[in-house]
Amino acid sequence: MEKGDVVRLEYEIWIKNPEGNVLYATNIEELAKKHNIYDENSRYGPEPFIIGVKRILEPVDEKLLEANVGDTIEVEVPPEKAFGRRNPNLIEKVPLREFRKQGKTPMPGDRVVINGRVGTVIDIAAGRVIVDFNHPLADKTLIYKVRVVEKIEDPIQKVKAIIEMDYPKDVDEFEIRAEGSKVTIKLPDRCKYDNDWERVKLFVASNILNYSGFTELDFVEHYEKPKKEAVKSENKQEEQKEEKSQGSEKS
């Protein structure tokens, strides 16, 4: 693999444990079910990825540069190169009333957001909630097993994969057309009002221009004037509703 290659990967992330490693995350559905971490809201199957752009822990990214399609790499990552050591100063007490103001009743194990910081509730006592703002994998040695399933060569498929990386919603609804070095992408209607798309749009555009082979990009939003028949039908329905309402008032 080379830096900038667009690929699809299967992965397993294990927490190293003397009594037996524990599976933390995977995009392999059967493996998730076997280890009781399956989540029906999660996406399973090989995921798109750009090699060498620090979207994964650095030791894993570096090892992927040595891999070929079909290879499985295994990398053990110590805490210092993963999510760091646990910092006791990041365990804080938050008044219970702060949660109640938001209509929430925290329970141990809950993931919560306090002033933009994500933490885990570890205890509740004397009107205070003890929240650990360390990363859940702090102090953990991790074992990554990653298989390179496919290297994407077709420029249009690269664009589609890059969109999917950061905006996996209905990716097949993006209409992608190439004209020489320029790619035009007609956006699905949902993108007109989806804050998630607005948040990632510039990042997606940058990745497309850097890693797909295209040097120009247009995002297109399409709008249509309502057809007259549709407008007439809507007006007629409103008139019928008004007539029914007036009839009810008379009775």
Protein backbone atom coordinates (compact mmCIF):
# COMPACT_ATOMS: atom_id res chain seq x y z
CA MET A 1 0.00 0.00 0.00
CA GLU A 2 1.00 3.63 -0.48
CA LYS A 3 -0.01 6.80 1.29
CA GLY A 4 -3.27 8.07 -0.19
CA ASP A 5 -4.53 4.68 -1.41
CA VAL A 6 -8.29 4.31 -0.97
CA VAL A 7 -9.12 0.84 0.34
CA ARG A 8 -11.75 -1.17 2.18
CA LEU A 9 -10.80 -2.78 5.48
CA GLU A 10 -12.11 -5.32 7.94
CA TYR A 11 -10.92 -4.75 11.49
CA GLU A 12 -10.91 -6.19 14.99
CA ILE A 13 -9.86 -4.18 18.05
CA TRP A 14 -9.00 -6.26 21.11
CA ILE A 15 -8.18 -5.14 24.65
CA LYS A 16 -5.18 -7.10 25.89
CA ASN A 17 -5.97 -8.97 29.09
CA PRO A 18 -3.90 -11.60 30.96
CA GLU A 19 -7.06 -13.66 31.46
CA GLY A 20 -7.98 -13.52 27.79
CA ASN A 21 -8.21 -10.70 25.30
CA VAL A 22 -11.56 -8.91 25.05
CA LEU A 23 -13.08 -7.83 21.74
CA TYR A 24 -13.82 -4.10 21.91
CA ALA A 25 -14.97 -3.31 18.36
CA THR A 26 -15.23 -4.88 14.91
CA ASN A 27 -16.99 -4.38 11.59
CA ILE A 28 -17.29 -8.15 11.08
CA GLU A 29 -20.91 -8.96 11.90
CA GLU A 30 -20.53 -12.64 12.80
CA LEU A 31 -17.58 -11.90 15.08
CA ALA A 32 -19.53 -9.15 16.86
CA LYS A 33 -22.43 -11.56 17.46
CA LYS A 34 -20.10 -14.30 18.68
CA HIS A 35 -18.59 -11.99 21.31
CA ASN A 36 -21.90 -10.36 22.30
CA ILE A 37 -21.03 -6.85 21.14
CA TYR A 38 -23.36 -6.79 18.14
CA ASP A 39 -25.26 -3.51 17.76
CA GLU A 40 -28.15 -3.39 15.30
CA ASN A 41 -27.52 0.34 14.81
CA SER A 42 -23.90 -0.17 13.77
CA ARG A 43 -22.67 -0.66 10.21
CA TYR A 44 -20.95 -3.93 9.38
CA GLY A 45 -18.86 -4.96 6.41
CA PRO A 46 -15.58 -3.68 4.95
CA GLU A 47 -15.24 0.07 5.49
CA PRO A 48 -13.58 2.66 3.23
CA PHE A 49 -10.30 4.08 4.45
CA ILE A 50 -7.45 6.26 3.16
CA ILE A 51 -4.00 4.87 3.92
CA GLY A 52 -1.46 7.07 5.68
CA VAL A 53 -3.62 10.08 6.59
CA LYS A 54 -3.83 9.46 10.36
CA ARG A 55 -7.44 8.30 10.53
CA ILE A 56 -6.28 5.42 12.72
CA LEU A 57 -3.61 4.99 15.40
CA GLU A 58 -0.20 5.76 13.93
CA PRO A 59 1.43 2.32 14.52
CA VAL A 60 -1.48 0.69 12.68
CA ASP A 61 -1.35 3.20 9.83
CA GLU A 62 2.38 2.60 9.41
CA LYS A 63 1.92 -1.17 9.33
CA LEU A 64 -0.78 -0.86 6.66
CA LEU A 65 1.80 0.74 4.35
CA GLU A 66 3.57 -2.64 4.31
CA ALA A 67 0.42 -4.63 3.44
CA ASN A 68 -0.99 -5.88 0.16
CA VAL A 69 -4.59 -6.61 -0.78
CA GLY A 70 -5.69 -9.74 1.08
CA ASP A 71 -3.11 -9.34 3.86
CA THR A 72 -4.06 -9.24 7.53
CA ILE A 73 -1.82 -7.17 9.78
CA GLU A 74 -1.68 -7.48 13.56
CA VAL A 75 -0.31 -4.65 15.70
CA GLU A 76 -0.03 -4.42 19.48
CA VAL A 77 -0.34 -0.80 20.59
CA PRO A 78 0.70 0.22 24.14
CA PRO A 79 -1.30 2.90 25.99
CA GLU A 80 1.33 5.56 25.29
CA LYS A 81 0.72 5.18 21.54
CA ALA A 82 -3.00 4.52 21.86
CA PHE A 83 -5.24 6.56 24.17
CA GLY A 84 -2.77 7.43 26.89
CA ARG A 85 -2.52 6.73 30.58
CA ARG A 86 -5.44 7.36 32.90
CA ASN A 87 -5.24 10.81 34.49
CA PRO A 88 -6.82 10.91 37.98
CA ASN A 89 -7.35 14.65 37.59
CA LEU A 90 -9.91 13.91 34.88
CA ILE A 91 -12.23 12.21 37.38
CA GLU A 92 -14.56 14.97 38.54
CA LYS A 93 -17.66 15.50 40.68
CA VAL A 94 -20.61 17.12 38.94
CA PRO A 95 -23.69 18.30 40.92
CA LEU A 96 -26.67 16.02 40.29
CA ARG A 97 -28.85 19.09 39.75
CA GLU A 98 -26.95 19.85 36.54
CA PHE A 99 -28.31 16.62 35.07
CA ARG A 100 -31.81 17.18 36.43
CA LYS A 101 -31.92 20.59 34.78
CA GLN A 102 -31.63 18.67 31.50
CA GLY A 103 -34.29 16.18 32.55
CA LYS A 104 -31.74 13.38 32.88
CA THR A 105 -31.22 10.76 35.57
CA PRO A 106 -27.61 9.54 35.26
CA MET A 107 -26.70 5.94 35.99
CA PRO A 108 -23.26 4.31 36.41
CA GLY A 109 -21.88 3.40 33.00
CA ASP A 110 -23.75 6.16 31.14
CA ARG A 111 -21.81 8.21 28.61
CA VAL A 112 -22.54 11.89 29.22
CA VAL A 113 -21.56 15.26 27.75
CA ILE A 114 -20.72 18.05 30.18
CA ASN A 115 -19.73 21.44 28.73
CA GLY A 116 -18.69 19.74 25.50
CA ARG A 117 -16.61 17.06 27.25
CA VAL A 118 -17.54 13.39 26.99
CA GLY A 119 -17.24 11.25 30.10
CA THR A 120 -18.48 8.10 31.81
CA VAL A 121 -20.55 8.08 35.00
CA ILE A 122 -18.78 5.85 37.53
CA ASP A 123 -20.75 6.58 40.72
CA ILE A 124 -23.46 8.73 42.30
CA ALA A 125 -23.26 9.78 45.94
CA ALA A 126 -24.40 12.63 48.20
CA GLY A 127 -26.00 14.62 45.41
CA ARG A 128 -22.93 14.45 43.21
CA VAL A 129 -22.20 12.46 40.07
CA ILE A 130 -18.65 11.18 39.68
CA VAL A 131 -17.68 11.40 36.02
CA ASP A 132 -14.52 9.99 34.44
CA PHE A 133 -13.44 12.16 31.51
CA ASN A 134 -10.59 9.85 30.54
CA HIS A 135 -10.97 8.02 27.23
CA PRO A 136 -12.64 4.61 27.81
CA LEU A 137 -9.50 2.94 26.44
CA ALA A 138 -7.04 4.91 28.57
CA ASP A 139 -4.44 2.62 30.20
CA LYS A 140 -5.33 -0.18 27.77
CA THR A 141 -2.95 -2.07 25.51
CA LEU A 142 -4.78 -2.72 22.25
CA ILE A 143 -4.37 -5.35 19.58
CA TYR A 144 -5.49 -4.35 16.10
CA LYS A 145 -6.15 -7.00 13.46
CA VAL A 146 -6.85 -5.40 10.09
CA ARG A 147 -7.41 -7.06 6.71
CA VAL A 148 -7.08 -5.17 3.43
CA VAL A 149 -10.12 -6.41 1.53
CA GLU A 150 -9.88 -4.22 -1.56
CA LYS A 151 -7.87 -1.43 -3.12
CA ILE A 152 -10.20 0.90 -5.01
CA GLU A 153 -8.82 1.94 -8.40
CA ASP A 154 -11.82 3.42 -10.25
CA PRO A 155 -11.95 7.22 -9.67
CA ILE A 156 -15.75 7.32 -9.38
CA GLN A 157 -15.71 4.50 -6.83
CA LYS A 158 -12.97 6.35 -4.94
CA VAL A 159 -15.21 9.41 -4.72
CA LYS A 160 -18.10 7.29 -3.50
CA ALA A 161 -15.90 5.62 -0.86
CA ILE A 162 -14.54 8.97 0.34
CA ILE A 163 -18.08 10.30 0.79
CA GLU A 164 -19.04 7.12 2.65
CA MET A 165 -16.15 7.55 5.10
CA ASP A 166 -17.63 10.68 6.64
CA TYR A 167 -21.25 10.63 5.46
CA PRO A 168 -22.51 7.04 5.21
CA LYS A 169 -26.17 8.05 4.91
CA ASP A 170 -27.71 6.84 1.62
CA VAL A 171 -24.39 7.15 -0.21
CA ASP A 172 -25.93 5.51 -3.30
CA GLU A 173 -28.18 8.56 -3.72
CA PHE A 174 -25.20 10.78 -4.62
CA GLU A 175 -25.10 11.10 -8.42
CA ILE A 176 -21.45 11.23 -9.47
CA ARG A 177 -20.38 12.25 -12.98
CA ALA A 178 -16.84 12.66 -14.31
CA GLU A 179 -15.75 14.98 -17.12
CA GLY A 180 -12.00 14.71 -17.59
CA SER A 181 -10.31 15.95 -14.42
CA LYS A 182 -13.56 17.39 -13.05
CA VAL A 183 -16.14 15.53 -10.98
CA THR A 184 -19.69 16.76 -10.44
CA ILE A 185 -21.74 15.41 -7.56
CA LYS A 186 -25.49 15.98 -7.44
CA LEU A 187 -26.46 15.92 -3.78
CA PRO A 188 -29.46 14.02 -2.41
CA ASP A 189 -32.28 16.25 -1.16
CA ARG A 190 -31.47 15.36 2.45
CA CYS A 191 -28.17 17.27 2.20
CA LYS A 192 -30.07 20.56 1.81
CA TYR A 193 -31.11 20.51 5.46
CA ASP A 194 -28.80 17.99 7.14
CA ASN A 195 -26.39 19.60 9.61
CA ASP A 196 -24.22 16.47 9.50
CA TRP A 197 -23.55 17.10 5.81
CA GLU A 198 -22.74 20.77 6.40
CA ARG A 199 -20.27 19.73 9.09
CA VAL A 200 -18.31 17.31 6.87
CA LYS A 201 -18.78 18.84 3.40
CA LEU A 202 -15.48 20.74 3.22
CA PHE A 203 -13.57 17.79 4.66
CA VAL A 204 -15.13 15.44 2.08
CA ALA A 205 -14.31 17.90 -0.71
CA SER A 206 -10.68 18.14 0.42
CA ASN A 207 -10.27 14.36 0.50
CA ILE A 208 -11.85 13.96 -2.93
CA LEU A 209 -9.47 16.51 -4.46
CA ASN A 210 -6.44 15.04 -2.70
CA TYR A 211 -7.03 11.31 -3.13
CA SER A 212 -9.44 10.53 -5.99
CA GLY A 213 -7.39 11.83 -8.92
CA PHE A 214 -9.81 14.65 -9.77
CA THR A 215 -8.60 18.26 -9.61
CA GLU A 216 -11.98 20.02 -9.80
CA LEU A 217 -15.20 19.37 -7.91
CA ASP A 218 -18.73 20.76 -8.08
CA PHE A 219 -21.43 19.95 -5.56
CA VAL A 220 -24.87 20.49 -7.13
CA GLU A 221 -28.16 21.06 -5.31
CA HIS A 222 -31.28 20.62 -7.45
CA TYR A 223 -34.55 22.49 -6.94
CA GLU A 224 -37.81 22.39 -8.90
CA LYS A 225 -40.80 24.69 -9.02
CA PRO A 226 -43.90 22.81 -7.77
CA LYS A 227 -46.06 21.58 -10.64
CA LYS A 228 -49.36 23.44 -11.14
CA GLU A 229 -51.44 20.28 -10.77
CA ALA A 230 -49.80 19.55 -7.43
CA VAL A 231 -50.50 23.12 -6.26
CA LYS A 232 -54.15 22.89 -7.39
CA SER A 233 -54.55 19.59 -5.58
CA GLU A 234 -53.12 21.05 -2.38
CA ASN A 235 -55.43 24.09 -2.65
CA LYS A 236 -58.44 21.85 -3.21
CA GLN A 237 -57.59 19.79 -0.15
CA GLU A 238 -57.33 22.96 1.92
CA GLU A 239 -60.74 24.13 0.65
CA GLN A 240 -62.30 20.78 1.55
CA LYS A 241 -60.83 20.95 5.04
CA GLU A 242 -62.21 24.47 5.48
CA GLU A 243 -65.70 23.41 4.30
CA LYS A 244 -65.72 20.50 6.75
CA SER A 245 -64.62 22.80 9.54
CA GLN A 246 -67.40 25.30 8.78
CA GLY A 247 -69.95 22.47 8.62
CA SER A 248 -68.88 21.24 12.04
CA GLU A 249 -69.26 24.71 13.53
CA LYS A 250 -72.84 25.06 12.17
CA SER A 251 -73.88 21.71 13.61
